[in-house]
C-alpha atoms as a PDB file:
ATOM      1  CA  UNK A   1     -31.865   5.271 -17.193  1.00  0.00           C
ATOM      2  CA  UNK A   2     -32.514   2.330 -19.449  1.00  0.00           C
ATOM      3  CA  UNK A   3     -35.815   0.573 -18.802  1.00  0.00           C
ATOM      4  CA  UNK A   4     -35.545  -2.713 -16.966  1.00  0.00           C
ATOM      5  CA  UNK A   5     -36.156  -5.628 -19.336  1.00  0.00           C
ATOM      6  CA  UNK A   6     -39.430  -7.491 -18.988  1.00  0.00           C
ATOM      7  CA  UNK A   7     -38.948 -10.686 -16.987  1.00  0.00           C
ATOM      8  CA  UNK A   8     -38.541 -13.886 -18.904  1.00  0.00           C
ATOM      9  CA  UNK A   9     -40.674 -16.967 -18.671  1.00  0.00           C
ATOM     10  CA  UNK A  10     -39.961 -20.314 -17.069  1.00  0.00           C
ATOM     11  CA  UNK A  11     -41.315 -23.295 -18.987  1.00  0.00           C
ATOM     12  CA  UNK A  12     -41.783 -26.627 -17.204  1.00  0.00           C
ATOM     13  CA  UNK A  13     -41.586 -29.121 -20.051  1.00  0.00           C
ATOM     14  CA  UNK A  14     -42.657 -32.773 -19.939  1.00  0.00           C
ATOM     15  CA  UNK A  15     -40.419 -35.059 -21.993  1.00  0.00           C
ATOM     16  CA  UNK A  16     -40.831 -38.699 -23.120  1.00  0.00           C
ATOM     17  CA  UNK A  17     -40.570 -41.432 -20.501  1.00  0.00           C
ATOM     18  CA  UNK A  18     -39.175 -43.857 -23.057  1.00  0.00           C
ATOM     19  CA  UNK A  19     -40.435 -43.597 -26.608  1.00  0.00           C
ATOM     20  CA  UNK A  20     -39.004 -40.401 -28.125  1.00  0.00           C
ATOM     21  CA  UNK A  21     -42.169 -39.923 -30.202  1.00  0.00           C
ATOM     22  CA  UNK A  22     -44.117 -39.170 -27.009  1.00  0.00           C
ATOM     23  CA  UNK A  23     -43.504 -35.418 -27.005  1.00  0.00           C
ATOM     24  CA  UNK A  24     -45.902 -32.681 -28.024  1.00  0.00           C
ATOM     25  CA  UNK A  25     -45.431 -30.260 -30.908  1.00  0.00           C
ATOM     26  CA  UNK A  26     -45.665 -27.424 -28.389  1.00  0.00           C
ATOM     27  CA  UNK A  27     -42.906 -28.915 -26.227  1.00  0.00           C
ATOM     28  CA  UNK A  28     -40.599 -29.187 -29.231  1.00  0.00           C
ATOM     29  CA  UNK A  29     -41.269 -25.567 -30.152  1.00  0.00           C
ATOM     30  CA  UNK A  30     -40.554 -24.356 -26.605  1.00  0.00           C
ATOM     31  CA  UNK A  31     -37.317 -26.344 -26.397  1.00  0.00           C
ATOM     32  CA  UNK A  32     -36.263 -24.943 -29.769  1.00  0.00           C
ATOM     33  CA  UNK A  33     -37.094 -21.311 -28.903  1.00  0.00           C
ATOM     34  CA  UNK A  34     -35.830 -21.248 -25.307  1.00  0.00           C
ATOM     35  CA  UNK A  35     -32.597 -19.386 -24.610  1.00  0.00           C
ATOM     36  CA  UNK A  36     -31.390 -22.226 -22.394  1.00  0.00           C
ATOM     37  CA  UNK A  37     -32.597 -25.635 -21.217  1.00  0.00           C
ATOM     38  CA  UNK A  38     -32.039 -26.554 -17.564  1.00  0.00           C
ATOM     39  CA  UNK A  39     -31.738 -30.333 -17.700  1.00  0.00           C
ATOM     40  CA  UNK A  40     -31.482 -32.902 -14.908  1.00  0.00           C
ATOM     41  CA  UNK A  41     -29.132 -34.988 -17.051  1.00  0.00           C
ATOM     42  CA  UNK A  42     -27.688 -33.119 -20.052  1.00  0.00           C
ATOM     43  CA  UNK A  43     -26.465 -36.372 -21.634  1.00  0.00           C
ATOM     44  CA  UNK A  44     -29.942 -37.878 -21.650  1.00  0.00           C
ATOM     45  CA  UNK A  45     -31.602 -34.668 -22.826  1.00  0.00           C
ATOM     46  CA  UNK A  46     -28.972 -34.344 -25.571  1.00  0.00           C
ATOM     47  CA  UNK A  47     -30.301 -37.559 -27.150  1.00  0.00           C
ATOM     48  CA  UNK A  48     -33.813 -36.115 -27.270  1.00  0.00           C
ATOM     49  CA  UNK A  49     -32.584 -32.816 -28.726  1.00  0.00           C
ATOM     50  CA  UNK A  50     -30.482 -34.591 -31.338  1.00  0.00           C
ATOM     51  CA  UNK A  51     -33.463 -36.754 -32.314  1.00  0.00           C
ATOM     52  CA  UNK A  52     -35.559 -33.603 -32.822  1.00  0.00           C
ATOM     53  CA  UNK A  53     -32.783 -31.540 -34.436  1.00  0.00           C
ATOM     54  CA  UNK A  54     -32.762 -28.954 -31.624  1.00  0.00           C
ATOM     55  CA  UNK A  55     -29.538 -27.093 -30.821  1.00  0.00           C
ATOM     56  CA  UNK A  56     -30.578 -25.007 -27.787  1.00  0.00           C
ATOM     57  CA  UNK A  57     -27.735 -24.852 -25.206  1.00  0.00           C
ATOM     58  CA  UNK A  58     -28.157 -26.704 -21.910  1.00  0.00           C
ATOM     59  CA  UNK A  59     -27.065 -26.319 -18.303  1.00  0.00           C
ATOM     60  CA  UNK A  60     -27.353 -29.030 -15.685  1.00  0.00           C
ATOM     61  CA  UNK A  61     -29.940 -28.625 -12.923  1.00  0.00           C
ATOM     62  CA  UNK A  62     -30.207 -31.617 -10.617  1.00  0.00           C
ATOM     63  CA  UNK A  63     -30.770 -32.459  -6.972  1.00  0.00           C
ATOM     64  CA  UNK A  64     -27.129 -31.860  -6.031  1.00  0.00           C
ATOM     65  CA  UNK A  65     -26.610 -28.461  -7.705  1.00  0.00           C
ATOM     66  CA  UNK A  66     -30.032 -26.807  -7.824  1.00  0.00           C
ATOM     67  CA  UNK A  67     -29.341 -24.521  -4.862  1.00  0.00           C
ATOM     68  CA  UNK A  68     -26.018 -23.382  -6.348  1.00  0.00           C
ATOM     69  CA  UNK A  69     -27.519 -22.866  -9.809  1.00  0.00           C
ATOM     70  CA  UNK A  70     -30.496 -20.863  -8.550  1.00  0.00           C
ATOM     71  CA  UNK A  71     -28.986 -17.316  -8.597  1.00  0.00           C
ATOM     72  CA  UNK A  72     -27.693 -17.637 -12.165  1.00  0.00           C
ATOM     73  CA  UNK A  73     -30.988 -19.056 -13.436  1.00  0.00           C
ATOM     74  CA  UNK A  74     -32.939 -16.260 -11.773  1.00  0.00           C
ATOM     75  CA  UNK A  75     -30.588 -13.691 -13.324  1.00  0.00           C
ATOM     76  CA  UNK A  76     -31.377 -15.120 -16.741  1.00  0.00           C
ATOM     77  CA  UNK A  77     -35.102 -14.907 -16.093  1.00  0.00           C
ATOM     78  CA  UNK A  78     -34.836 -11.348 -14.747  1.00  0.00           C
ATOM     79  CA  UNK A  79     -32.959 -10.401 -17.906  1.00  0.00           C
ATOM     80  CA  UNK A  80     -35.914 -11.532 -20.005  1.00  0.00           C
ATOM     81  CA  UNK A  81     -34.696 -14.938 -21.138  1.00  0.00           C
ATOM     82  CA  UNK A  82     -36.976 -17.916 -21.722  1.00  0.00           C
ATOM     83  CA  UNK A  83     -35.776 -20.891 -19.682  1.00  0.00           C
ATOM     84  CA  UNK A  84     -37.062 -24.447 -20.144  1.00  0.00           C
ATOM     85  CA  UNK A  85     -36.792 -26.989 -17.322  1.00  0.00           C
ATOM     86  CA  UNK A  86     -36.713 -30.700 -18.156  1.00  0.00           C
ATOM     87  CA  UNK A  87     -35.896 -33.795 -16.148  1.00  0.00           C
ATOM     88  CA  UNK A  88     -34.619 -37.231 -17.167  1.00  0.00           C
ATOM     89  CA  UNK A  89     -38.071 -38.287 -18.306  1.00  0.00           C
ATOM     90  CA  UNK A  90     -41.721 -37.392 -17.828  1.00  0.00           C
ATOM     91  CA  UNK A  91     -43.200 -34.407 -16.039  1.00  0.00           C
ATOM     92  CA  UNK A  92     -40.787 -32.369 -13.887  1.00  0.00           C
ATOM     93  CA  UNK A  93     -41.217 -32.154 -10.098  1.00  0.00           C
ATOM     94  CA  UNK A  94     -42.788 -35.623  -9.744  1.00  0.00           C
ATOM     95  CA  UNK A  95     -39.940 -37.036  -7.623  1.00  0.00           C
ATOM     96  CA  UNK A  96     -37.591 -34.851  -9.690  1.00  0.00           C
ATOM     97  CA  UNK A  97     -35.640 -31.604  -9.084  1.00  0.00           C
ATOM     98  CA  UNK A  98     -36.824 -28.146 -10.151  1.00  0.00           C
ATOM     99  CA  UNK A  99     -39.126 -27.136  -7.312  1.00  0.00           C
ATOM    100  CA  UNK A 100     -36.661 -24.608  -5.833  1.00  0.00           C
ATOM    101  CA  UNK A 101     -36.322 -22.757  -9.136  1.00  0.00           C
ATOM    102  CA  UNK A 102     -40.052 -22.745  -9.765  1.00  0.00           C
ATOM    103  CA  UNK A 103     -40.893 -21.426  -6.279  1.00  0.00           C
ATOM    104  CA  UNK A 104     -38.208 -18.732  -6.539  1.00  0.00           C
ATOM    105  CA  UNK A 105     -39.492 -17.643  -9.959  1.00  0.00           C
ATOM    106  CA  UNK A 106     -43.065 -17.440  -8.690  1.00  0.00           C
ATOM    107  CA  UNK A 107     -41.933 -15.426  -5.662  1.00  0.00           C
ATOM    108  CA  UNK A 108     -40.417 -12.865  -8.035  1.00  0.00           C
ATOM    109  CA  UNK A 109     -43.533 -12.626 -10.174  1.00  0.00           C
ATOM    110  CA  UNK A 110     -41.999 -14.507 -13.102  1.00  0.00           C
ATOM    111  CA  UNK A 111     -44.508 -16.459 -15.162  1.00  0.00           C
ATOM    112  CA  UNK A 112     -44.182 -20.241 -14.866  1.00  0.00           C
ATOM    113  CA  UNK A 113     -45.839 -22.017 -17.777  1.00  0.00           C
ATOM    114  CA  UNK A 114     -46.431 -25.787 -17.755  1.00  0.00           C
ATOM    115  CA  UNK A 115     -45.983 -27.717 -21.008  1.00  0.00           C
ATOM    116  CA  UNK A 116     -47.820 -30.972 -20.222  1.00  0.00           C
ATOM    117  CA  UNK A 117     -47.039 -34.322 -21.733  1.00  0.00           C
ATOM    118  CA  UNK A 118     -45.807 -37.766 -20.770  1.00  0.00           C
ATOM    119  CA  UNK A 119     -46.185 -38.935 -17.166  1.00  0.00           C
ATOM    120  CA  UNK A 120     -45.296 -42.372 -15.835  1.00  0.00           C
ATOM    121  CA  UNK A 121     -47.914 -41.917 -13.089  1.00  0.00           C
ATOM    122  CA  UNK A 122     -50.803 -41.379 -15.502  1.00  0.00           C
ATOM    123  CA  UNK A 123     -49.511 -43.960 -17.974  1.00  0.00           C
ATOM    124  CA  UNK A 124     -49.380 -46.597 -15.223  1.00  0.00           C
ATOM    125  CA  UNK A 125     -52.901 -45.791 -14.077  1.00  0.00           C
ATOM    126  CA  UNK A 126     -54.337 -46.008 -17.578  1.00  0.00           C
ATOM    127  CA  UNK A 127     -52.668 -49.343 -18.392  1.00  0.00           C
ATOM    128  CA  UNK A 128     -53.282 -50.935 -14.976  1.00  0.00           C
ATOM    129  CA  UNK A 129     -57.047 -51.302 -15.245  1.00  0.00           C
ATOM    130  CA  UNK A 130     -57.403 -49.975 -11.691  1.00  0.00           C
ATOM    131  CA  UNK A 131     -60.338 -47.527 -11.179  1.00  0.00           C
ATOM    132  CA  UNK A 132     -58.558 -44.224 -10.689  1.00  0.00           C
ATOM    133  CA  UNK A 133     -61.001 -41.339 -10.331  1.00  0.00           C
ATOM    134  CA  UNK A 134     -59.099 -40.733  -7.088  1.00  0.00           C
ATOM    135  CA  UNK A 135     -55.549 -41.789  -6.254  1.00  0.00           C
ATOM    136  CA  UNK A 136     -52.491 -40.839  -4.194  1.00  0.00           C
ATOM    137  CA  UNK A 137     -48.960 -40.545  -5.550  1.00  0.00           C
ATOM    138  CA  UNK A 138     -46.256 -41.376  -2.997  1.00  0.00           C
ATOM    139  CA  UNK A 139     -43.094 -41.096  -5.115  1.00  0.00           C
ATOM    140  CA  UNK A 140     -40.211 -43.389  -4.138  1.00  0.00           C
ATOM    141  CA  UNK A 141     -40.325 -45.361  -0.854  1.00  0.00           C
ATOM    142  CA  UNK A 142     -37.589 -44.490   1.671  1.00  0.00           C
ATOM    143  CA  UNK A 143     -34.372 -46.489   1.432  1.00  0.00           C
ATOM    144  CA  UNK A 144     -33.955 -47.313   5.148  1.00  0.00           C
ATOM    145  CA  UNK A 145     -35.940 -50.184   6.611  1.00  0.00           C
ATOM    146  CA  UNK A 146     -37.770 -48.348   9.414  1.00  0.00           C
ATOM    147  CA  UNK A 147     -39.060 -45.421   7.332  1.00  0.00           C
ATOM    148  CA  UNK A 148     -39.797 -47.817   4.477  1.00  0.00           C
ATOM    149  CA  UNK A 149     -42.049 -49.949   6.685  1.00  0.00           C
ATOM    150  CA  UNK A 150     -43.902 -46.855   7.922  1.00  0.00           C
ATOM    151  CA  UNK A 151     -44.284 -45.784   4.288  1.00  0.00           C
ATOM    152  CA  UNK A 152     -45.753 -49.210   3.447  1.00  0.00           C
ATOM    153  CA  UNK A 153     -48.202 -48.932   6.346  1.00  0.00           C
ATOM    154  CA  UNK A 154     -49.331 -45.531   5.079  1.00  0.00           C
ATOM    155  CA  UNK A 155     -49.696 -46.809   1.503  1.00  0.00           C
ATOM    156  CA  UNK A 156     -51.775 -49.767   2.681  1.00  0.00           C
ATOM    157  CA  UNK A 157     -54.117 -47.532   4.689  1.00  0.00           C
ATOM    158  CA  UNK A 158     -55.572 -45.514   1.798  1.00  0.00           C
ATOM    159  CA  UNK A 159     -59.095 -46.201   0.556  1.00  0.00           C
ATOM    160  CA  UNK A 160     -58.095 -45.454  -3.030  1.00  0.00           C
ATOM    161  CA  UNK A 161     -55.239 -46.620  -5.294  1.00  0.00           C
ATOM    162  CA  UNK A 162     -51.652 -45.609  -4.510  1.00  0.00           C
ATOM    163  CA  UNK A 163     -49.083 -45.019  -7.247  1.00  0.00           C
ATOM    164  CA  UNK A 164     -45.362 -45.169  -6.524  1.00  0.00           C
ATOM    165  CA  UNK A 165     -41.983 -45.516  -8.220  1.00  0.00           C
ATOM    166  CA  UNK A 166     -39.265 -47.970  -7.283  1.00  0.00           C
ATOM    167  CA  UNK A 167     -35.720 -48.721  -8.387  1.00  0.00           C
ATOM    168  CA  UNK A 168     -35.018 -52.189  -9.859  1.00  0.00           C
ATOM    169  CA  UNK A 169     -32.612 -53.182  -7.093  1.00  0.00           C
ATOM    170  CA  UNK A 170     -35.253 -52.465  -4.416  1.00  0.00           C
ATOM    171  CA  UNK A 171     -38.522 -53.437  -6.140  1.00  0.00           C
ATOM    172  CA  UNK A 172     -38.697 -56.967  -4.726  1.00  0.00           C
ATOM    173  CA  UNK A 173     -37.868 -55.828  -1.189  1.00  0.00           C
ATOM    174  CA  UNK A 174     -40.575 -53.166  -1.302  1.00  0.00           C
ATOM    175  CA  UNK A 175     -43.223 -55.526  -2.671  1.00  0.00           C
ATOM    176  CA  UNK A 176     -42.350 -58.132  -0.029  1.00  0.00           C
ATOM    177  CA  UNK A 177     -42.704 -55.550   2.713  1.00  0.00           C
ATOM    178  CA  UNK A 178     -46.040 -54.400   1.274  1.00  0.00           C
ATOM    179  CA  UNK A 179     -47.156 -58.040   1.233  1.00  0.00           C
ATOM    180  CA  UNK A 180     -46.317 -58.369   4.925  1.00  0.00           C
ATOM    181  CA  UNK A 181     -48.049 -55.087   5.823  1.00  0.00           C
ATOM    182  CA  UNK A 182     -51.039 -54.978   3.453  1.00  0.00           C
ATOM    183  CA  UNK A 183     -51.715 -58.695   3.209  1.00  0.00           C
ATOM    184  CA  UNK A 184     -50.749 -61.372   0.708  1.00  0.00           C
ATOM    185  CA  UNK A 185     -54.078 -61.086  -1.120  1.00  0.00           C
ATOM    186  CA  UNK A 186     -53.802 -57.366  -1.839  1.00  0.00           C
ATOM    187  CA  UNK A 187     -53.547 -56.770  -5.578  1.00  0.00           C
ATOM    188  CA  UNK A 188     -50.963 -54.645  -7.318  1.00  0.00           C
ATOM    189  CA  UNK A 189     -50.230 -53.631 -10.897  1.00  0.00           C
ATOM    190  CA  UNK A 190     -46.505 -53.426 -11.612  1.00  0.00           C
ATOM    191  CA  UNK A 191     -45.663 -51.521 -14.795  1.00  0.00           C
ATOM    192  CA  UNK A 192     -42.150 -52.008 -16.126  1.00  0.00           C
ATOM    193  CA  UNK A 193     -40.384 -50.021 -18.848  1.00  0.00           C
ATOM    194  CA  UNK A 194     -43.503 -48.040 -19.823  1.00  0.00           C
ATOM    195  CA  UNK A 195     -43.499 -47.006 -23.542  1.00  0.00           C
ATOM    196  CA  UNK A 196     -40.194 -48.822 -24.141  1.00  0.00           C
ATOM    197  CA  UNK A 197     -39.418 -51.916 -26.198  1.00  0.00           C
ATOM    198  CA  UNK A 198     -39.795 -54.308 -23.249  1.00  0.00           C
ATOM    199  CA  UNK A 199     -42.886 -52.702 -21.708  1.00  0.00           C
ATOM    200  CA  UNK A 200     -44.631 -55.105 -19.339  1.00  0.00           C
ATOM    201  CA  UNK A 201     -47.668 -55.113 -17.056  1.00  0.00           C
ATOM    202  CA  UNK A 202     -47.836 -57.571 -14.165  1.00  0.00           C
ATOM    203  CA  UNK A 203     -51.210 -57.721 -12.372  1.00  0.00           C
ATOM    204  CA  UNK A 204     -51.305 -60.080  -9.423  1.00  0.00           C
ATOM    205  CA  UNK A 205     -51.609 -60.389  -5.682  1.00  0.00           C
ATOM    206  CA  UNK A 206     -48.634 -59.276  -3.610  1.00  0.00           C
ATOM    207  CA  UNK A 207     -48.092 -62.928  -2.725  1.00  0.00           C
ATOM    208  CA  UNK A 208     -47.711 -63.911  -6.373  1.00  0.00           C
ATOM    209  CA  UNK A 209     -45.992 -60.874  -7.817  1.00  0.00           C
ATOM    210  CA  UNK A 210     -42.807 -61.216  -5.757  1.00  0.00           C
ATOM    211  CA  UNK A 211     -42.007 -64.522  -7.471  1.00  0.00           C
ATOM    212  CA  UNK A 212     -42.611 -63.223 -10.992  1.00  0.00           C
ATOM    213  CA  UNK A 213     -39.440 -63.515 -13.132  1.00  0.00           C
ATOM    214  CA  UNK A 214     -39.400 -59.767 -13.848  1.00  0.00           C
ATOM    215  CA  UNK A 215     -39.386 -59.070 -10.105  1.00  0.00           C
ATOM    216  CA  UNK A 216     -37.054 -61.887  -9.102  1.00  0.00           C
ATOM    217  CA  UNK A 217     -34.464 -60.609 -11.605  1.00  0.00           C
ATOM    218  CA  UNK A 218     -35.562 -57.002 -12.177  1.00  0.00           C
ATOM    219  CA  UNK A 219     -34.353 -54.815 -15.019  1.00  0.00           C
ATOM    220  CA  UNK A 220     -35.669 -51.377 -15.979  1.00  0.00           C
ATOM    221  CA  UNK A 221     -37.853 -48.734 -14.379  1.00  0.00           C
ATOM    222  CA  UNK A 222     -40.917 -49.600 -12.280  1.00  0.00           C
ATOM    223  CA  UNK A 223     -44.148 -47.744 -11.609  1.00  0.00           C
ATOM    224  CA  UNK A 224     -46.615 -49.581  -9.339  1.00  0.00           C
ATOM    225  CA  UNK A 225     -50.310 -49.162  -8.591  1.00  0.00           C
ATOM    226  CA  UNK A 226     -51.417 -50.653  -5.264  1.00  0.00           C
ATOM    227  CA  UNK A 227     -55.123 -51.461  -5.419  1.00  0.00           C
ATOM    228  CA  UNK A 228     -57.659 -50.887  -2.660  1.00  0.00           C
ATOM    229  CA  UNK A 229     -58.203 -53.796  -0.296  1.00  0.00           C
ATOM    230  CA  UNK A 230     -61.254 -55.893  -1.107  1.00  0.00           C
ATOM    231  CA  UNK A 231     -63.887 -55.778   1.676  1.00  0.00           C
ATOM    232  CA  UNK A 232     -64.531 -59.004   3.554  1.00  0.00           C
ATOM    233  CA  UNK A 233     -67.886 -60.753   3.145  1.00  0.00           C
ATOM    234  CA  UNK A 234     -70.615 -58.800   4.910  1.00  0.00           C
ATOM    235  CA  UNK A 235     -68.251 -55.962   5.817  1.00  0.00           C
ATOM    236  CA  UNK A 236     -69.053 -52.362   4.921  1.00  0.00           C
ATOM    237  CA  UNK A 237     -65.838 -50.292   4.897  1.00  0.00           C
ATOM    238  CA  UNK A 238     -65.936 -46.951   6.684  1.00  0.00           C
ATOM    239  CA  UNK A 239     -65.946 -44.989   3.423  1.00  0.00           C
ATOM    240  CA  UNK A 240     -68.914 -47.006   2.171  1.00  0.00           C
ATOM    241  CA  UNK A 241     -70.826 -45.874   5.244  1.00  0.00           C
ATOM    242  CA  UNK A 242     -70.395 -42.329   3.956  1.00  0.00           C
ATOM    243  CA  UNK A 243     -71.800 -43.346   0.571  1.00  0.00           C
ATOM    244  CA  UNK A 244     -74.848 -44.946   2.182  1.00  0.00           C
ATOM    245  CA  UNK A 245     -75.444 -41.982   4.493  1.00  0.00           C
ATOM    246  CA  UNK A 246     -75.277 -39.504   1.623  1.00  0.00           C
ATOM    247  CA  UNK A 247     -77.619 -41.661  -0.458  1.00  0.00           C
ATOM    248  CA  UNK A 248     -80.144 -41.764   2.399  1.00  0.00           C
ATOM    249  CA  UNK A 249     -79.880 -38.003   2.896  1.00  0.00           C
ATOM    250  CA  UNK A 250     -80.519 -36.975  -0.704  1.00  0.00           C
ATOM    251  CA  UNK A 251     -83.372 -39.490  -1.212  1.00  0.00           C
ATOM    252  CA  UNK A 252     -85.145 -38.624   2.046  1.00  0.00           C
ATOM    253  CA  UNK A 253     -87.261 -35.809   0.577  1.00  0.00           C
ATOM    254  CA  UNK A 254     -87.903 -37.544  -2.755  1.00  0.00           C
ATOM    255  CA  UNK A 255     -85.818 -35.120  -4.832  1.00  0.00           C
ATOM    256  CA  UNK A 256     -83.766 -37.948  -6.369  1.00  0.00           C
ATOM    257  CA  UNK A 257     -84.950 -41.307  -7.614  1.00  0.00           C
ATOM    258  CA  UNK A 258     -82.758 -44.306  -6.768  1.00  0.00           C
ATOM    259  CA  UNK A 259     -80.718 -44.432  -9.977  1.00  0.00           C
ATOM    260  CA  UNK A 260     -80.199 -40.676 -10.122  1.00  0.00           C
ATOM    261  CA  UNK A 261     -79.272 -40.620  -6.435  1.00  0.00           C
ATOM    262  CA  UNK A 262     -76.605 -43.290  -6.920  1.00  0.00           C
ATOM    263  CA  UNK A 263     -75.113 -41.293  -9.797  1.00  0.00           C
ATOM    264  CA  UNK A 264     -75.125 -38.111  -7.733  1.00  0.00           C
ATOM    265  CA  UNK A 265     -73.437 -39.773  -4.733  1.00  0.00           C
ATOM    266  CA  UNK A 266     -70.818 -41.262  -7.054  1.00  0.00           C
ATOM    267  CA  UNK A 267     -70.132 -37.815  -8.508  1.00  0.00           C
ATOM    268  CA  UNK A 268     -69.793 -36.184  -5.077  1.00  0.00           C
ATOM    269  CA  UNK A 269     -67.426 -38.841  -3.724  1.00  0.00           C
ATOM    270  CA  UNK A 270     -65.449 -39.393  -6.960  1.00  0.00           C
ATOM    271  CA  UNK A 271     -66.273 -43.103  -7.137  1.00  0.00           C
ATOM    272  CA  UNK A 272     -68.112 -45.309  -9.620  1.00  0.00           C
ATOM    273  CA  UNK A 273     -71.901 -45.605  -9.539  1.00  0.00           C
ATOM    274  CA  UNK A 274     -71.295 -49.336  -9.169  1.00  0.00           C
ATOM    275  CA  UNK A 275     -69.430 -48.647  -5.901  1.00  0.00           C
ATOM    276  CA  UNK A 276     -72.513 -46.877  -4.518  1.00  0.00           C
ATOM    277  CA  UNK A 277     -74.777 -49.717  -5.681  1.00  0.00           C
ATOM    278  CA  UNK A 278     -72.510 -52.316  -4.044  1.00  0.00           C
ATOM    279  CA  UNK A 279     -72.464 -50.340  -0.775  1.00  0.00           C
ATOM    280  CA  UNK A 280     -76.277 -50.232  -0.725  1.00  0.00           C
ATOM    281  CA  UNK A 281     -76.517 -53.942  -1.495  1.00  0.00           C
ATOM    282  CA  UNK A 282     -74.086 -54.779   1.315  1.00  0.00           C
ATOM    283  CA  UNK A 283     -76.136 -52.651   3.684  1.00  0.00           C
ATOM    284  CA  UNK A 284     -79.250 -54.511   2.590  1.00  0.00           C
ATOM    285  CA  UNK A 285     -77.588 -57.901   3.110  1.00  0.00           C
ATOM    286  CA  UNK A 286     -76.309 -56.986   6.564  1.00  0.00           C
ATOM    287  CA  UNK A 287     -79.816 -55.866   7.622  1.00  0.00           C
ATOM    288  CA  UNK A 288     -81.378 -59.138   6.365  1.00  0.00           C
ATOM    289  CA  UNK A 289     -78.744 -61.277   8.125  1.00  0.00           C
ATOM    290  CA  UNK A 290     -79.209 -59.440  11.415  1.00  0.00           C
END
């Protein structure tokens, strides 16, 4: 009996989100050496491969055929082939297909190797100027009105930034609904066409952003960062109470001095030291006023 071939390897490859130069040397090597590339859109991936001079064959793997393609892709992996998964742009599985194949491969003991690279989520956070030691990614809002409003209510409730994608024909509607739910003064960073020729960052309140020309007549791809609500004068948000309590606890026995204690609380709660300082100052002000 012939020995069974060693299982192949499934590579999850991040591709550029716009600028074709934004791809790693390792990603290019994997795409070149793979036996087949499972691509969300073979036409779009073909442009990247042509730009890099790569001739690896492709098969389509998208939301509408992933279940049907699964057996054949697993057969390839069982036979020892190296398979690379790519999506239209960015890092696969972030609001993109591929999760069924990856879970099935892992269930069979096949190695799944990530090839990190471009991500619209991380690019938006870094260009937005929003403190982002902690954030939540919510993908695309639902299309229907009722679920979309509930989604907006959830997004507005977080005590850290929320990142989401939106299609150009729905961006204004979503921002208007967020304005109604989260408040007109809530700030948002809208990133359009990241890494492309017409890249644009719009930082404004929800009240102002909906009338911006790029939102009134939207073109391109949008990634948004909804900022945390600013506390009202004299108000200590619930999460700041946790910061103050932890500060009091670790300074009670004199182990930490004030500055070191603020740094330690910031580290434990994944916030800035300035956030801890501000929470303590607000507590001090509220005590004086009372």
